[in-house]
Amino acid sequence: MKVSLGAATIALPLPAWVICTYDQHGRANAMTASWTGVCCSVPPCLYFSARESRYTYECVSARRAFTVNIPSATQAAQTDFLGIASGRKVDKLARAGLTTVPGKHVDAPAIVEFPLTLECRLAQQLDLGSHTMFIGEILDVQCFEELLNADGKLDGAKIRAFTYCPADSTYYATGPALGGGYQLGRALLPESGADQSG
């Protein structure tokens, strides 16, 4: 039997993403975010949410652009650090031993060492209460060439992304592949095989 945990932000899995921006002085800033996700296909969009007190809130609101940088499990300590130190007080990226390059399509920096970067133009900013949701239109996705499979598509196993659990404040590595999306459940479709999505 399930027990009630009350109204809480316990949704699994949550990504471990790093949002990068430039501040008012043109200095690169980074913030770890797990209140994140994909929200639209056409145009391709994603979101992250942040409190108004966060330096990243100020930077994205001013610059109207950001990058999402997805780390590998080997970079979990650096990722966590970027979420606990304030960009107002310390050059977090330098302290973490990370370097940035200017975005190719947006006014925001990208972390060189992290395997995946999504460049986003701010499309909407929605005040929801304790957090504001920043919706970014994805203008480009960049990854290391060695992360591609033979078909030229990103190989999820090679990136070794990891997740965050808000219930126990712990990061978890992703495991082996379970099977193909839109494939595993086909055995449960009616005999007609009709698409039952949605």
Protein backbone atom coordinates (compact mmCIF):
# COMPACT_ATOMS: atom_id res chain seq x y z
CA MET A 1 0.00 0.00 0.00
CA LYS A 2 1.27 3.50 -0.85
CA VAL A 3 1.67 6.08 1.92
CA SER A 4 1.13 9.82 1.49
CA LEU A 5 4.19 12.06 1.39
CA GLY A 6 2.11 15.22 1.09
CA ALA A 7 2.38 17.95 -1.51
CA ALA A 8 6.05 17.93 -2.46
CA THR A 9 8.35 18.34 -5.46
CA ILE A 10 9.25 14.67 -5.56
CA ALA A 11 9.25 13.75 -9.24
CA LEU A 12 11.72 11.24 -10.59
CA PRO A 13 14.06 11.29 -12.30
CA LEU A 14 15.19 14.92 -12.32
CA PRO A 15 18.06 15.96 -14.59
CA ALA A 16 21.32 17.42 -13.38
CA TRP A 17 21.81 20.32 -15.78
CA VAL A 18 24.08 23.33 -15.57
CA ILE A 19 22.69 26.64 -16.83
CA CYS A 20 25.31 29.08 -18.13
CA THR A 21 24.95 32.80 -18.69
CA TYR A 22 26.98 35.97 -18.91
CA ASP A 23 26.55 38.53 -16.14
CA GLN A 24 26.40 42.30 -16.57
CA HIS A 25 30.20 42.45 -16.79
CA GLY A 26 30.44 39.75 -19.45
CA ARG A 27 31.73 37.17 -16.95
CA ALA A 28 30.58 33.57 -17.38
CA ASN A 29 28.30 32.28 -14.62
CA ALA A 30 26.88 28.80 -14.01
CA MET A 31 24.11 27.31 -11.87
CA THR A 32 23.11 23.68 -11.38
CA ALA A 33 19.39 23.12 -11.93
CA SER A 34 17.16 20.09 -11.57
CA TRP A 35 13.80 21.86 -11.92
CA THR A 36 14.15 21.38 -15.68
CA GLY A 37 12.77 19.59 -18.71
CA VAL A 38 11.68 19.60 -22.35
CA CYS A 39 8.39 21.39 -22.99
CA CYS A 40 7.85 21.68 -26.76
CA SER A 41 8.90 20.02 -30.02
CA VAL A 42 8.06 22.73 -32.56
CA PRO A 43 9.80 25.01 -31.93
CA PRO A 44 12.12 22.86 -29.81
CA CYS A 45 11.99 24.28 -26.27
CA LEU A 46 13.11 23.42 -22.77
CA TYR A 47 12.74 25.10 -19.41
CA PHE A 48 14.45 25.57 -16.09
CA SER A 49 13.11 27.20 -12.96
CA ALA A 50 15.02 29.43 -10.53
CA ARG A 51 14.34 31.62 -7.53
CA GLU A 52 14.55 35.38 -8.02
CA SER A 53 17.38 35.51 -5.47
CA ARG A 54 19.64 33.45 -7.75
CA TYR A 55 22.31 35.28 -9.72
CA THR A 56 21.38 33.25 -12.79
CA TYR A 57 17.83 34.67 -12.61
CA GLU A 58 19.27 38.16 -12.92
CA CYS A 59 21.66 37.22 -15.73
CA VAL A 60 19.14 35.37 -17.92
CA SER A 61 16.54 38.10 -17.46
CA ALA A 62 19.06 40.69 -18.67
CA ARG A 63 20.80 38.73 -21.45
CA ARG A 64 17.71 36.86 -22.72
CA ALA A 65 19.82 33.77 -23.48
CA PHE A 66 21.39 30.78 -21.76
CA THR A 67 22.98 27.42 -22.43
CA VAL A 68 22.14 24.08 -20.86
CA ASN A 69 25.27 22.03 -20.26
CA ILE A 70 24.76 18.35 -19.45
CA PRO A 71 27.59 16.74 -17.49
CA SER A 72 28.82 13.17 -17.28
CA ALA A 73 28.69 11.17 -14.04
CA THR A 74 32.44 11.74 -13.65
CA GLN A 75 31.67 15.46 -13.26
CA ALA A 76 29.13 15.10 -10.43
CA ALA A 77 31.25 16.89 -7.80
CA GLN A 78 31.80 19.90 -10.07
CA THR A 79 28.11 19.93 -10.95
CA ASP A 80 27.10 19.91 -7.29
CA PHE A 81 29.56 22.71 -6.48
CA LEU A 82 28.03 24.92 -9.19
CA GLY A 83 24.72 24.60 -7.35
CA ILE A 84 25.93 25.49 -3.86
CA ALA A 85 28.25 28.46 -4.44
CA SER A 86 27.03 31.91 -5.48
CA GLY A 87 28.25 33.49 -8.69
CA ARG A 88 28.04 36.88 -6.99
CA LYS A 89 30.83 35.91 -4.62
CA VAL A 90 33.13 33.56 -6.51
CA ASP A 91 34.14 32.63 -10.06
CA LYS A 92 32.53 29.21 -9.77
CA LEU A 93 33.68 27.91 -13.13
CA ALA A 94 37.34 28.70 -12.46
CA ARG A 95 37.09 27.18 -8.99
CA ALA A 96 35.61 24.00 -10.51
CA GLY A 97 38.40 23.83 -13.10
CA LEU A 98 35.98 24.37 -15.98
CA THR A 99 36.41 26.57 -19.04
CA THR A 100 33.87 28.20 -21.34
CA VAL A 101 33.62 29.39 -24.91
CA PRO A 102 31.09 31.85 -26.32
CA GLY A 103 27.93 30.31 -27.71
CA LYS A 104 27.76 30.04 -31.47
CA HIS A 105 24.14 31.20 -31.70
CA VAL A 106 23.31 32.97 -28.42
CA ASP A 107 24.82 35.50 -26.02
CA ALA A 108 25.77 32.87 -23.45
CA PRO A 109 28.81 30.71 -22.67
CA ALA A 110 29.15 26.95 -23.08
CA ILE A 111 31.18 24.66 -20.81
CA VAL A 112 33.94 23.05 -22.86
CA GLU A 113 34.43 19.97 -20.67
CA PHE A 114 30.77 18.90 -20.40
CA PRO A 115 29.72 16.49 -23.17
CA LEU A 116 26.46 18.12 -24.28
CA THR A 117 25.43 21.76 -24.75
CA LEU A 118 22.08 23.20 -25.84
CA GLU A 119 22.06 26.87 -26.86
CA CYS A 120 18.80 28.62 -25.99
CA ARG A 121 17.18 31.96 -26.69
CA LEU A 122 14.80 33.05 -23.91
CA ALA A 123 11.25 32.71 -25.24
CA GLN A 124 9.16 33.21 -22.10
CA GLN A 125 9.61 33.98 -18.43
CA LEU A 126 6.75 32.88 -16.14
CA ASP A 127 6.49 33.81 -12.47
CA LEU A 128 4.97 30.78 -10.73
CA GLY A 129 5.47 31.63 -7.04
CA SER A 130 8.69 30.65 -5.28
CA HIS A 131 10.28 30.03 -8.69
CA THR A 132 10.22 31.60 -12.13
CA MET A 133 10.18 29.32 -15.17
CA PHE A 134 12.50 30.30 -18.00
CA ILE A 135 11.48 28.77 -21.33
CA GLY A 136 14.22 28.69 -23.94
CA GLU A 137 13.96 27.97 -27.62
CA ILE A 138 16.74 25.53 -28.53
CA LEU A 139 18.73 26.97 -31.42
CA ASP A 140 21.45 24.32 -31.52
CA VAL A 141 22.71 21.20 -29.76
CA GLN A 142 26.43 20.37 -29.66
CA CYS A 143 28.22 17.25 -28.39
CA PHE A 144 31.56 15.49 -28.58
CA GLU A 145 31.84 13.51 -31.81
CA GLU A 146 32.76 10.34 -29.92
CA LEU A 147 29.31 10.33 -28.31
CA LEU A 148 27.62 9.61 -31.64
CA ASN A 149 26.66 6.13 -32.80
CA ALA A 150 27.20 4.69 -36.28
CA ASP A 151 24.04 6.46 -37.50
CA GLY A 152 25.31 9.85 -36.33
CA LYS A 153 22.83 10.04 -33.43
CA LEU A 154 23.67 10.75 -29.81
CA ASP A 155 24.35 7.51 -27.90
CA GLY A 156 22.76 7.94 -24.47
CA ALA A 157 24.94 5.27 -22.87
CA LYS A 158 28.12 7.09 -23.85
CA ILE A 159 27.19 10.42 -22.29
CA ARG A 160 26.69 8.84 -18.84
CA ALA A 161 24.29 11.56 -17.69
CA PHE A 162 23.06 11.37 -14.10
CA THR A 163 19.98 12.36 -12.13
CA TYR A 164 19.04 14.05 -8.87
CA CYS A 165 16.51 12.81 -6.32
CA PRO A 166 14.97 15.63 -4.23
CA ALA A 167 13.55 13.18 -1.68
CA ASP A 168 16.98 12.20 -0.37
CA SER A 169 19.09 15.00 -1.95
CA THR A 170 21.26 12.48 -3.77
CA TYR A 171 22.66 12.12 -7.29
CA TYR A 172 22.25 8.78 -9.07
CA ALA A 173 23.99 7.42 -12.15
CA THR A 174 21.83 6.14 -14.97
CA GLY A 175 21.91 2.40 -15.62
CA PRO A 176 21.96 0.15 -18.67
CA ALA A 177 19.47 0.54 -21.51
CA LEU A 178 16.09 -1.14 -20.96
CA GLY A 179 14.99 -1.20 -24.57
CA GLY A 180 13.75 1.02 -27.36
CA GLY A 181 11.24 3.81 -26.89
CA TYR A 182 8.02 3.18 -28.83
CA GLN A 183 9.17 -0.46 -29.04
CA LEU A 184 9.02 -2.06 -25.59
CA GLY A 185 5.27 -1.56 -25.25
CA ARG A 186 4.26 -2.74 -28.71
CA ALA A 187 3.45 -6.23 -27.42
CA LEU A 188 0.63 -4.66 -25.38
CA LEU A 189 -1.02 -2.89 -28.33
CA PRO A 190 -4.31 -4.24 -29.67
CA GLU A 191 -3.90 -6.80 -32.45
CA SER A 192 -4.63 -4.15 -35.03
CA GLY A 193 -1.39 -2.47 -33.98
CA ALA A 194 -3.07 0.92 -34.16
CA ASP A 195 -1.18 3.83 -32.60
CA GLN A 196 -2.70 4.44 -29.17
CA SER A 197 -0.34 7.24 -28.10
CA GLY A 198 -1.77 9.91 -25.81
